[in-house]
Amino acid sequence: MKRTKWFVIILTLVVAGMISNVALAGTEHQFDKEAYVTLAKKNIGRIISGSIDPEAMISDMETLMDLGIQGSKEHMNEKETPQTEAKLLSIAIDSAGRMKSLTLEELESQWHDGGFLKSKGIDISGYDHFSEVMCHYDAIIHPATAIVCLRKYKETKSEDYLEQMKDELSEVVEHMKHLD
């Protein structure tokens, strides 16, 4: 009988510990900022070294976009996130697939400069460039721009597109430094 009592106590403590770990895990960020930065830097390194594999790099940019979307969704769902920020990120997430089919000029005016969001009543010029919301926003926009650069590079073989891609990735790496 004593063994059974101790077994029940230990089992109860183990289950309680597991439940509290699950509850705590629900509040932690799942966005893997380190993986994002590592993948971005890997592609910067490819450009610098001349080891260009457009298809592999496009796949990596898709992964960066997915990670950026994940981080954006987390920020949107934080209770302290203002509704305007949640709306801004929701629009970017919903538009992420279409961004990759735009020209570089369209990406610049609609997303980097915020023209598309302005048409939806959101002016990004009021946000600090390195605010949390803009860092998450750019974690989607910059890899989408890099995809367009890679496609243009494949067509033209102009290294100017690779240089722009490197700049896009370098900027988004800087943004990641401003996220907790």
C-alpha atoms as a PDB file:
ATOM      1  CA  MET A   1       0.000   0.000   0.000  1.00  0.00           C
ATOM      2  CA  LYS A   2       2.849   2.403   0.803  1.00  0.00           C
ATOM      3  CA  ARG A   3       4.433   1.752  -2.590  1.00  0.00           C
ATOM      4  CA  THR A   4       1.184   2.516  -4.346  1.00  0.00           C
ATOM      5  CA  LYS A   5       0.820   5.776  -2.420  1.00  0.00           C
ATOM      6  CA  TRP A   6       4.357   6.894  -3.366  1.00  0.00           C
ATOM      7  CA  PHE A   7       3.825   5.799  -6.946  1.00  0.00           C
ATOM      8  CA  VAL A   8       0.663   7.902  -7.174  1.00  0.00           C
ATOM      9  CA  ILE A   9       2.437  10.920  -5.623  1.00  0.00           C
ATOM     10  CA  ILE A  10       5.388  10.638  -8.011  1.00  0.00           C
ATOM     11  CA  LEU A  11       3.119  10.070 -10.995  1.00  0.00           C
ATOM     12  CA  THR A  12       1.043  13.121 -10.009  1.00  0.00           C
ATOM     13  CA  LEU A  13       4.169  15.280  -9.746  1.00  0.00           C
ATOM     14  CA  VAL A  14       5.444  14.081 -13.124  1.00  0.00           C
ATOM     15  CA  VAL A  15       2.115  14.756 -14.822  1.00  0.00           C
ATOM     16  CA  ALA A  16       1.839  18.176 -13.135  1.00  0.00           C
ATOM     17  CA  GLY A  17       5.338  19.040 -14.316  1.00  0.00           C
ATOM     18  CA  MET A  18       4.507  17.978 -17.861  1.00  0.00           C
ATOM     19  CA  ILE A  19       1.330  20.060 -17.846  1.00  0.00           C
ATOM     20  CA  SER A  20       3.174  23.141 -16.578  1.00  0.00           C
ATOM     21  CA  ASN A  21       5.873  22.690 -19.254  1.00  0.00           C
ATOM     22  CA  VAL A  22       3.208  22.527 -21.951  1.00  0.00           C
ATOM     23  CA  ALA A  23       1.587  25.671 -20.566  1.00  0.00           C
ATOM     24  CA  LEU A  24       4.916  27.498 -20.507  1.00  0.00           C
ATOM     25  CA  ALA A  25       5.823  26.293 -23.973  1.00  0.00           C
ATOM     26  CA  GLY A  26       2.651  27.886 -25.290  1.00  0.00           C
ATOM     27  CA  THR A  27       3.977  31.316 -24.302  1.00  0.00           C
ATOM     28  CA  GLU A  28       7.445  30.899 -25.808  1.00  0.00           C
ATOM     29  CA  HIS A  29       8.254  32.087 -29.289  1.00  0.00           C
ATOM     30  CA  GLN A  30       8.436  29.401 -31.928  1.00  0.00           C
ATOM     31  CA  PHE A  31       9.971  31.734 -34.520  1.00  0.00           C
ATOM     32  CA  ASP A  32      13.517  30.503 -35.008  1.00  0.00           C
ATOM     33  CA  LYS A  33      15.382  33.765 -35.449  1.00  0.00           C
ATOM     34  CA  GLU A  34      18.751  31.991 -35.363  1.00  0.00           C
ATOM     35  CA  ALA A  35      17.757  29.655 -38.205  1.00  0.00           C
ATOM     36  CA  TYR A  36      16.528  32.674 -40.162  1.00  0.00           C
ATOM     37  CA  VAL A  37      19.818  34.534 -39.730  1.00  0.00           C
ATOM     38  CA  THR A  38      21.910  31.433 -40.475  1.00  0.00           C
ATOM     39  CA  LEU A  39      20.056  30.754 -43.732  1.00  0.00           C
ATOM     40  CA  ALA A  40      20.223  34.392 -44.813  1.00  0.00           C
ATOM     41  CA  LYS A  41      23.973  34.533 -44.095  1.00  0.00           C
ATOM     42  CA  LYS A  42      24.515  31.243 -45.928  1.00  0.00           C
ATOM     43  CA  ASN A  43      23.045  32.811 -49.053  1.00  0.00           C
ATOM     44  CA  ILE A  44      25.036  36.013 -48.611  1.00  0.00           C
ATOM     45  CA  GLY A  45      28.099  33.774 -48.470  1.00  0.00           C
ATOM     46  CA  ARG A  46      27.054  32.017 -51.675  1.00  0.00           C
ATOM     47  CA  ILE A  47      26.870  35.353 -53.456  1.00  0.00           C
ATOM     48  CA  ILE A  48      30.228  36.528 -52.116  1.00  0.00           C
ATOM     49  CA  SER A  49      31.943  33.246 -53.034  1.00  0.00           C
ATOM     50  CA  GLY A  50      30.278  33.011 -56.435  1.00  0.00           C
ATOM     51  CA  SER A  51      28.656  29.662 -55.590  1.00  0.00           C
ATOM     52  CA  ILE A  52      25.363  30.563 -57.197  1.00  0.00           C
ATOM     53  CA  ASP A  53      22.683  27.890 -57.404  1.00  0.00           C
ATOM     54  CA  PRO A  54      19.508  29.845 -58.199  1.00  0.00           C
ATOM     55  CA  GLU A  55      17.079  26.990 -57.562  1.00  0.00           C
ATOM     56  CA  ALA A  56      18.589  26.106 -54.172  1.00  0.00           C
ATOM     57  CA  MET A  57      18.698  29.773 -53.260  1.00  0.00           C
ATOM     58  CA  ILE A  58      15.075  30.325 -54.282  1.00  0.00           C
ATOM     59  CA  SER A  59      14.154  27.368 -52.068  1.00  0.00           C
ATOM     60  CA  ASP A  60      16.056  28.975 -49.190  1.00  0.00           C
ATOM     61  CA  MET A  61      14.221  32.262 -49.776  1.00  0.00           C
ATOM     62  CA  GLU A  62      10.908  30.384 -49.633  1.00  0.00           C
ATOM     63  CA  THR A  63      12.026  28.969 -46.294  1.00  0.00           C
ATOM     64  CA  LEU A  64      12.930  32.458 -45.077  1.00  0.00           C
ATOM     65  CA  MET A  65       9.502  33.700 -46.111  1.00  0.00           C
ATOM     66  CA  ASP A  66       7.864  30.823 -44.236  1.00  0.00           C
ATOM     67  CA  LEU A  67       9.906  31.623 -41.131  1.00  0.00           C
ATOM     68  CA  GLY A  68       9.032  35.307 -41.511  1.00  0.00           C
ATOM     69  CA  ILE A  69       5.348  34.436 -41.747  1.00  0.00           C
ATOM     70  CA  GLN A  70       5.640  32.298 -38.623  1.00  0.00           C
ATOM     71  CA  GLY A  71       7.267  35.145 -36.698  1.00  0.00           C
ATOM     72  CA  SER A  72       4.678  37.606 -38.001  1.00  0.00           C
ATOM     73  CA  LYS A  73       1.811  35.379 -36.886  1.00  0.00           C
ATOM     74  CA  GLU A  74       3.320  35.109 -33.419  1.00  0.00           C
ATOM     75  CA  HIS A  75       3.641  38.887 -33.172  1.00  0.00           C
ATOM     76  CA  MET A  76       0.066  39.320 -34.410  1.00  0.00           C
ATOM     77  CA  ASN A  77      -1.224  36.992 -31.718  1.00  0.00           C
ATOM     78  CA  GLU A  78       0.584  38.614 -28.798  1.00  0.00           C
ATOM     79  CA  LYS A  79      -1.995  40.301 -26.582  1.00  0.00           C
ATOM     80  CA  GLU A  80      -0.046  43.581 -26.491  1.00  0.00           C
ATOM     81  CA  THR A  81       0.160  43.869 -30.302  1.00  0.00           C
ATOM     82  CA  PRO A  82      -1.937  46.815 -31.514  1.00  0.00           C
ATOM     83  CA  GLN A  83      -4.708  45.974 -33.968  1.00  0.00           C
ATOM     84  CA  THR A  84      -3.112  48.125 -36.685  1.00  0.00           C
ATOM     85  CA  GLU A  85       0.108  46.083 -36.477  1.00  0.00           C
ATOM     86  CA  ALA A  86      -1.837  42.827 -36.635  1.00  0.00           C
ATOM     87  CA  LYS A  87      -3.695  44.121 -39.694  1.00  0.00           C
ATOM     88  CA  LEU A  88      -0.434  45.220 -41.370  1.00  0.00           C
ATOM     89  CA  LEU A  89       1.131  41.781 -40.856  1.00  0.00           C
ATOM     90  CA  SER A  90      -2.043  39.972 -41.877  1.00  0.00           C
ATOM     91  CA  ILE A  91      -2.081  41.837 -45.191  1.00  0.00           C
ATOM     92  CA  ALA A  92       1.606  41.025 -45.782  1.00  0.00           C
ATOM     93  CA  ILE A  93       1.045  37.349 -44.970  1.00  0.00           C
ATOM     94  CA  ASP A  94      -2.005  37.132 -47.226  1.00  0.00           C
ATOM     95  CA  SER A  95      -0.047  38.801 -50.052  1.00  0.00           C
ATOM     96  CA  ALA A  96       3.236  36.901 -49.648  1.00  0.00           C
ATOM     97  CA  GLY A  97       2.604  34.515 -52.532  1.00  0.00           C
ATOM     98  CA  ARG A  98       1.724  37.318 -54.930  1.00  0.00           C
ATOM     99  CA  MET A  99       4.794  39.350 -53.984  1.00  0.00           C
ATOM    100  CA  LYS A 100       7.049  36.846 -55.707  1.00  0.00           C
ATOM    101  CA  SER A 101       5.394  37.507 -59.069  1.00  0.00           C
ATOM    102  CA  LEU A 102       5.832  41.288 -58.976  1.00  0.00           C
ATOM    103  CA  THR A 103       8.585  43.247 -60.670  1.00  0.00           C
ATOM    104  CA  LEU A 104      11.314  44.765 -58.537  1.00  0.00           C
ATOM    105  CA  GLU A 105       9.795  48.197 -59.157  1.00  0.00           C
ATOM    106  CA  GLU A 106       6.363  46.995 -58.017  1.00  0.00           C
ATOM    107  CA  LEU A 107       7.855  45.387 -54.910  1.00  0.00           C
ATOM    108  CA  GLU A 108       9.636  48.619 -54.089  1.00  0.00           C
ATOM    109  CA  SER A 109       6.583  50.847 -54.445  1.00  0.00           C
ATOM    110  CA  GLN A 110       3.945  48.469 -53.082  1.00  0.00           C
ATOM    111  CA  TRP A 111       5.834  46.801 -50.225  1.00  0.00           C
ATOM    112  CA  HIS A 112       9.156  48.444 -49.406  1.00  0.00           C
ATOM    113  CA  ASP A 113       7.624  51.924 -49.650  1.00  0.00           C
ATOM    114  CA  GLY A 114       4.246  50.735 -48.338  1.00  0.00           C
ATOM    115  CA  GLY A 115       1.989  51.751 -51.244  1.00  0.00           C
ATOM    116  CA  PHE A 116      -0.174  48.634 -51.046  1.00  0.00           C
ATOM    117  CA  LEU A 117      -0.661  49.029 -47.307  1.00  0.00           C
ATOM    118  CA  LYS A 118      -1.451  52.709 -47.733  1.00  0.00           C
ATOM    119  CA  SER A 119      -4.294  51.705 -50.064  1.00  0.00           C
ATOM    120  CA  LYS A 120      -5.590  49.627 -47.145  1.00  0.00           C
ATOM    121  CA  GLY A 121      -5.392  52.542 -44.697  1.00  0.00           C
ATOM    122  CA  ILE A 122      -2.004  51.755 -43.138  1.00  0.00           C
ATOM    123  CA  ASP A 123       0.909  54.177 -43.430  1.00  0.00           C
ATOM    124  CA  ILE A 124       4.181  52.409 -42.596  1.00  0.00           C
ATOM    125  CA  SER A 125       6.112  55.688 -42.592  1.00  0.00           C
ATOM    126  CA  GLY A 126       4.855  56.170 -39.026  1.00  0.00           C
ATOM    127  CA  TYR A 127       6.700  53.097 -37.776  1.00  0.00           C
ATOM    128  CA  ASP A 128      10.311  53.000 -36.684  1.00  0.00           C
ATOM    129  CA  HIS A 129      12.228  51.041 -39.327  1.00  0.00           C
ATOM    130  CA  PHE A 130      13.560  48.660 -36.666  1.00  0.00           C
ATOM    131  CA  SER A 131      10.369  48.332 -34.625  1.00  0.00           C
ATOM    132  CA  GLU A 132       9.206  44.794 -33.922  1.00  0.00           C
ATOM    133  CA  VAL A 133       6.376  44.979 -36.434  1.00  0.00           C
ATOM    134  CA  MET A 134       8.620  46.282 -39.222  1.00  0.00           C
ATOM    135  CA  CYS A 135      11.261  43.658 -38.501  1.00  0.00           C
ATOM    136  CA  HIS A 136       8.648  40.915 -38.903  1.00  0.00           C
ATOM    137  CA  TYR A 137       7.205  42.637 -41.975  1.00  0.00           C
ATOM    138  CA  ASP A 138      10.619  42.844 -43.610  1.00  0.00           C
ATOM    139  CA  ALA A 139      11.289  39.185 -42.764  1.00  0.00           C
ATOM    140  CA  ILE A 140       8.665  38.448 -45.443  1.00  0.00           C
ATOM    141  CA  ILE A 141       9.327  41.308 -47.889  1.00  0.00           C
ATOM    142  CA  HIS A 142      13.100  40.976 -48.273  1.00  0.00           C
ATOM    143  CA  PRO A 143      13.198  37.261 -49.164  1.00  0.00           C
ATOM    144  CA  ALA A 144      10.325  37.814 -51.618  1.00  0.00           C
ATOM    145  CA  THR A 145      12.427  40.534 -53.242  1.00  0.00           C
ATOM    146  CA  ALA A 146      15.427  38.195 -53.270  1.00  0.00           C
ATOM    147  CA  ILE A 147      13.358  35.588 -55.149  1.00  0.00           C
ATOM    148  CA  VAL A 148      12.537  38.144 -57.831  1.00  0.00           C
ATOM    149  CA  CYS A 149      16.223  39.108 -58.000  1.00  0.00           C
ATOM    150  CA  LEU A 150      17.213  35.460 -58.467  1.00  0.00           C
ATOM    151  CA  ARG A 151      14.683  34.988 -61.249  1.00  0.00           C
ATOM    152  CA  LYS A 152      15.993  38.099 -62.999  1.00  0.00           C
ATOM    153  CA  TYR A 153      19.554  36.823 -62.551  1.00  0.00           C
ATOM    154  CA  LYS A 154      18.589  33.517 -64.161  1.00  0.00           C
ATOM    155  CA  GLU A 155      17.192  35.425 -67.172  1.00  0.00           C
ATOM    156  CA  THR A 156      19.956  37.956 -67.611  1.00  0.00           C
ATOM    157  CA  LYS A 157      23.026  36.644 -65.735  1.00  0.00           C
ATOM    158  CA  SER A 158      23.474  40.232 -64.514  1.00  0.00           C
ATOM    159  CA  GLU A 159      25.313  40.210 -61.210  1.00  0.00           C
ATOM    160  CA  ASP A 160      23.523  43.435 -60.277  1.00  0.00           C
ATOM    161  CA  TYR A 161      20.588  41.253 -59.226  1.00  0.00           C
ATOM    162  CA  LEU A 162      22.835  39.181 -56.971  1.00  0.00           C
ATOM    163  CA  GLU A 163      24.191  42.374 -55.425  1.00  0.00           C
ATOM    164  CA  GLN A 164      20.652  43.555 -54.734  1.00  0.00           C
ATOM    165  CA  MET A 165      19.806  40.171 -53.247  1.00  0.00           C
ATOM    166  CA  LYS A 166      22.848  40.411 -50.971  1.00  0.00           C
ATOM    167  CA  ASP A 167      21.699  43.875 -49.874  1.00  0.00           C
ATOM    168  CA  GLU A 168      18.167  42.602 -49.181  1.00  0.00           C
ATOM    169  CA  LEU A 169      19.487  39.759 -47.045  1.00  0.00           C
ATOM    170  CA  SER A 170      22.001  41.950 -45.230  1.00  0.00           C
ATOM    171  CA  GLU A 171      19.244  44.366 -44.299  1.00  0.00           C
ATOM    172  CA  VAL A 172      16.947  41.656 -42.999  1.00  0.00           C
ATOM    173  CA  VAL A 173      19.800  40.164 -40.945  1.00  0.00           C
ATOM    174  CA  GLU A 174      20.132  43.608 -39.350  1.00  0.00           C
ATOM    175  CA  HIS A 175      16.379  43.569 -38.633  1.00  0.00           C
ATOM    176  CA  MET A 176      16.713  40.250 -36.813  1.00  0.00           C
ATOM    177  CA  LYS A 177      19.129  41.882 -34.347  1.00  0.00           C
ATOM    178  CA  HIS A 178      16.241  44.065 -33.164  1.00  0.00           C
ATOM    179  CA  LEU A 179      13.905  41.191 -32.271  1.00  0.00           C
ATOM    180  CA  ASP A 180      13.888  39.645 -28.808  1.00  0.00           C
END
